[in-house]
Amino acid sequence: MTLKKVSLVTLSALFLTTGCGSESTSSAQADDKIQSLEAELKQAKADNEQLSTKLKELDAKDSETVKVDKNQATYDDKTVLGQVEWTYIKKAEQNFQTRVDTGASTSSLNAVDIEEFERDSKKWVRFNITHKEGGAEKVIEAPIVRTAKILQSNSQDESSERPVIELKVSIAGIDTTSEFTLTDRTSLDYPVLLGRTFIKDVVLVDVSQEFIHPKYKSK
């Protein structure tokens, strides 16, 4: 009987010892897992900070690309224009203040007293390019290359047709021939507007600056 009791006590002790060992092992594994997760979280935060720093550097670089020094006339082999420049129109033999607008698709030119007529069986147009009230009249004649349909700003249903001409112009050392839609711009600040058809693939526009380039001087 006594032998049986000793045996039971011994077995019970072994059982308790084994159970405590399992709990101790589980607790140690849990601690290891927590430490591993904390290490992963710390590394993730470090990676995130590194990525954030790199993004800020890229943003700063982009800002530098847009901001162009006024003395720098070209960038990446393209001419840089300010949002306002001087354009020399050869037919008028005069420089005009010009709004450079990347939001406009076509270029336009101030024209009042527009008169269409025929010359050598072709359609021509005669107009006064003078922009300032009371300024000396400057009349230009040119053949009409096409007609543009313009939607009225106050109505999506109404439109008007306006003559389009080609003129030789010079701006920022660029001599070219470009199309201009004739329209009354006397109520606007600038008599000439250059749109995307003129500036695409040729120039960059720095809207923070004006008159980067001097007036054209005829030889």
Protein backbone atom coordinates (compact mmCIF):
# COMPACT_ATOMS: atom_id res chain seq x y z
CA MET A 1 0.00 0.00 0.00
CA THR A 2 2.80 2.39 0.96
CA LEU A 3 4.66 1.53 -2.26
CA LYS A 4 1.58 2.46 -4.29
CA LYS A 5 1.32 5.84 -2.54
CA VAL A 6 5.00 6.61 -3.19
CA SER A 7 4.52 5.69 -6.83
CA LEU A 8 1.50 8.01 -7.15
CA VAL A 9 3.37 10.91 -5.55
CA THR A 10 6.32 10.39 -7.87
CA LEU A 11 4.10 10.31 -10.97
CA SER A 12 2.25 13.41 -9.85
CA ALA A 13 5.52 15.26 -9.34
CA LEU A 14 6.73 14.28 -12.79
CA PHE A 15 3.45 15.43 -14.34
CA LEU A 16 3.60 18.82 -12.64
CA THR A 17 7.24 19.26 -13.63
CA THR A 18 6.45 18.48 -17.28
CA GLY A 19 3.46 20.85 -17.31
CA CYS A 20 5.45 23.75 -15.87
CA GLY A 21 8.17 23.13 -18.50
CA SER A 22 5.61 23.40 -21.33
CA GLU A 23 4.21 26.66 -19.97
CA SER A 24 7.72 28.07 -19.60
CA THR A 25 8.58 27.08 -23.18
CA SER A 26 5.37 28.69 -24.57
CA SER A 27 6.07 31.91 -22.69
CA ALA A 28 9.62 32.04 -24.05
CA GLN A 29 8.37 31.48 -27.60
CA ALA A 30 5.80 34.27 -27.18
CA ASP A 31 8.52 36.64 -25.97
CA ASP A 32 10.67 35.74 -28.96
CA LYS A 33 7.72 36.36 -31.30
CA ILE A 34 7.02 39.77 -29.73
CA GLN A 35 10.67 40.75 -29.99
CA SER A 36 10.70 39.63 -33.63
CA LEU A 37 7.56 41.68 -34.43
CA GLU A 38 9.01 44.72 -32.66
CA ALA A 39 12.18 44.39 -34.70
CA GLU A 40 10.16 44.14 -37.93
CA LEU A 41 8.09 47.22 -36.95
CA LYS A 42 11.24 49.19 -36.17
CA GLN A 43 12.73 48.23 -39.54
CA ALA A 44 9.48 49.16 -41.33
CA LYS A 45 9.53 52.61 -39.68
CA ALA A 46 13.16 53.10 -40.74
CA ASP A 47 12.33 52.08 -44.32
CA ASN A 48 9.34 54.46 -44.33
CA GLU A 49 11.50 57.37 -43.12
CA GLN A 50 14.08 56.59 -45.78
CA LEU A 51 11.39 56.51 -48.50
CA SER A 52 9.91 59.79 -47.24
CA THR A 53 13.32 61.44 -47.40
CA LYS A 54 13.86 60.21 -50.96
CA LEU A 55 10.43 61.54 -52.05
CA LYS A 56 11.24 64.96 -50.60
CA GLU A 57 14.51 64.99 -52.53
CA LEU A 58 12.66 64.13 -55.76
CA ASP A 59 10.09 66.91 -55.11
CA ALA A 60 12.90 69.38 -54.53
CA LYS A 61 14.55 68.29 -57.78
CA ASP A 62 11.27 68.74 -59.69
CA SER A 63 10.92 72.26 -58.25
CA GLU A 64 14.40 73.11 -59.45
CA THR A 65 13.46 71.90 -62.94
CA VAL A 66 10.48 74.27 -63.10
CA LYS A 67 12.36 77.22 -61.63
CA VAL A 68 14.71 78.58 -64.26
CA ASP A 69 17.26 81.31 -63.68
CA LYS A 70 16.39 84.43 -65.61
CA ASN A 71 19.84 84.47 -67.19
CA GLN A 72 19.36 80.92 -68.44
CA ALA A 73 17.82 81.18 -71.91
CA THR A 74 17.74 77.47 -72.66
CA TYR A 75 17.03 74.26 -70.78
CA ASP A 76 17.46 70.74 -72.13
CA ASP A 77 18.06 72.20 -75.62
CA LYS A 78 14.75 74.08 -75.47
CA THR A 79 14.27 77.83 -75.25
CA VAL A 80 12.73 79.04 -72.00
CA LEU A 81 10.03 81.71 -72.22
CA GLY A 82 8.43 83.69 -69.44
CA GLN A 83 4.67 84.02 -69.24
CA VAL A 84 5.02 87.41 -70.99
CA GLU A 85 7.56 88.07 -73.76
CA TRP A 86 8.15 90.35 -76.76
CA THR A 87 7.16 89.05 -80.21
CA TYR A 88 8.38 90.80 -83.33
CA ILE A 89 5.90 90.65 -86.23
CA LYS A 90 7.78 91.27 -89.45
CA LYS A 91 4.81 92.55 -91.47
CA ALA A 92 4.15 95.17 -88.81
CA GLU A 93 7.89 95.80 -88.27
CA GLN A 94 7.13 96.11 -84.57
CA ASN A 95 7.51 94.29 -81.24
CA PHE A 96 4.36 93.40 -79.33
CA GLN A 97 3.88 92.27 -75.75
CA THR A 98 2.81 88.64 -75.86
CA ARG A 99 1.03 86.38 -73.41
CA VAL A 100 2.49 82.86 -73.56
CA ASP A 101 -0.36 80.56 -72.61
CA THR A 102 0.05 76.77 -72.43
CA GLY A 103 -3.68 76.49 -71.76
CA ALA A 104 -4.63 77.92 -75.16
CA SER A 105 -4.51 75.56 -78.12
CA THR A 106 -4.03 78.18 -80.83
CA SER A 107 -2.35 81.56 -81.13
CA SER A 108 -4.30 84.76 -81.66
CA LEU A 109 -3.55 88.30 -82.75
CA ASN A 110 -5.34 91.58 -82.12
CA ALA A 111 -7.27 92.71 -85.19
CA VAL A 112 -9.85 95.47 -85.56
CA ASP A 113 -11.58 96.86 -88.63
CA ILE A 114 -11.25 93.47 -90.32
CA GLU A 115 -11.99 93.54 -94.04
CA GLU A 116 -11.89 90.50 -96.31
CA PHE A 117 -11.21 90.86 -100.03
CA GLU A 118 -9.91 88.91 -103.03
CA ARG A 119 -6.49 89.17 -104.62
CA ASP A 120 -5.32 86.96 -107.46
CA SER A 121 -8.41 84.78 -106.95
CA LYS A 122 -7.44 84.17 -103.32
CA LYS A 123 -9.07 85.34 -100.12
CA TRP A 124 -7.14 88.00 -98.26
CA VAL A 125 -7.77 90.04 -95.14
CA ARG A 126 -6.91 93.58 -94.16
CA PHE A 127 -6.94 94.67 -90.51
CA ASN A 128 -5.60 97.17 -88.02
CA ILE A 129 -3.25 95.55 -85.49
CA THR A 130 -3.07 98.59 -83.18
CA HIS A 131 -3.85 97.55 -79.61
CA LYS A 132 -3.72 100.76 -77.58
CA GLU A 133 -6.57 103.23 -77.85
CA GLY A 134 -5.38 106.33 -79.63
CA GLY A 135 -2.29 104.55 -80.98
CA ALA A 136 -1.09 105.04 -84.52
CA GLU A 137 -2.97 102.87 -86.99
CA LYS A 138 -0.98 99.90 -88.30
CA VAL A 139 -2.71 98.10 -91.17
CA ILE A 140 -1.64 94.61 -92.25
CA GLU A 141 -2.71 92.59 -95.27
CA ALA A 142 -2.28 88.82 -95.53
CA PRO A 143 -3.83 85.83 -97.33
CA ILE A 144 -6.34 83.78 -95.36
CA VAL A 145 -5.07 80.21 -94.90
CA ARG A 146 -8.24 78.88 -93.28
CA THR A 147 -11.23 79.82 -91.15
CA ALA A 148 -11.55 78.87 -87.47
CA LYS A 149 -14.85 78.29 -85.74
CA ILE A 150 -14.76 79.85 -82.25
CA LEU A 151 -17.33 79.07 -79.56
CA GLN A 152 -18.62 82.10 -77.68
CA SER A 153 -17.48 82.16 -74.05
CA ASN A 154 -20.97 83.01 -72.81
CA SER A 155 -22.71 80.30 -74.83
CA GLN A 156 -21.80 76.75 -75.81
CA ASP A 157 -24.29 76.84 -78.69
CA GLU A 158 -23.19 80.04 -80.43
CA SER A 159 -20.03 80.19 -82.52
CA SER A 160 -18.37 82.57 -84.92
CA GLU A 161 -15.92 82.10 -87.77
CA ARG A 162 -12.66 83.99 -87.74
CA PRO A 163 -9.94 84.20 -90.39
CA VAL A 164 -6.58 82.57 -89.73
CA ILE A 165 -3.39 83.93 -91.29
CA GLU A 166 0.28 83.02 -91.28
CA LEU A 167 2.87 85.56 -90.17
CA LYS A 168 6.63 85.56 -89.86
CA VAL A 169 7.55 86.27 -86.28
CA SER A 170 10.65 86.37 -84.10
CA ILE A 171 10.71 85.63 -80.37
CA ALA A 172 13.65 84.75 -78.11
CA GLY A 173 15.89 84.33 -81.15
CA ILE A 174 13.44 81.96 -82.83
CA ASP A 175 12.48 82.98 -86.38
CA THR A 176 9.46 81.08 -87.65
CA THR A 177 6.15 81.30 -89.47
CA SER A 178 3.08 80.63 -87.37
CA GLU A 179 -0.70 80.70 -87.67
CA PHE A 180 -2.74 83.35 -85.85
CA THR A 181 -6.48 83.64 -85.41
CA LEU A 182 -7.61 87.24 -85.86
CA THR A 183 -9.70 88.55 -82.99
CA ASP A 184 -10.37 91.81 -81.19
CA ARG A 185 -8.07 91.80 -78.14
CA THR A 186 -8.28 95.52 -77.32
CA SER A 187 -10.04 94.74 -74.04
CA LEU A 188 -7.24 92.34 -73.05
CA ASP A 189 -3.81 93.20 -71.67
CA TYR A 190 -1.76 91.77 -74.52
CA PRO A 191 -2.29 92.09 -78.28
CA VAL A 192 -0.66 88.72 -79.03
CA LEU A 193 -1.26 85.31 -77.48
CA LEU A 194 0.94 82.30 -78.20
CA GLY A 195 -0.73 78.92 -77.72
CA ARG A 196 0.39 75.31 -77.71
CA THR A 197 0.57 75.04 -81.50
CA PHE A 198 3.45 77.51 -81.39
CA ILE A 199 5.31 76.45 -78.24
CA LYS A 200 5.04 72.66 -78.44
CA ASP A 201 8.34 70.80 -78.84
CA VAL A 202 10.16 74.12 -79.14
CA VAL A 203 10.07 75.99 -75.83
CA LEU A 204 9.46 75.60 -72.13
CA VAL A 205 7.44 78.15 -70.16
CA ASP A 206 8.46 79.45 -66.75
CA VAL A 207 5.26 81.11 -65.51
CA SER A 208 7.08 82.70 -62.57
CA GLN A 209 8.98 85.08 -64.87
CA GLU A 210 8.36 87.73 -67.51
CA PHE A 211 10.48 89.20 -70.32
CA ILE A 212 13.38 86.77 -70.05
CA HIS A 213 14.42 87.79 -73.58
CA PRO A 214 14.99 91.31 -74.98
CA LYS A 215 13.08 92.89 -77.84
CA TYR A 216 14.01 91.84 -81.35
CA LYS A 217 16.11 94.43 -83.12
CA SER A 218 15.72 94.57 -86.89
CA LYS A 219 18.96 94.61 -88.85
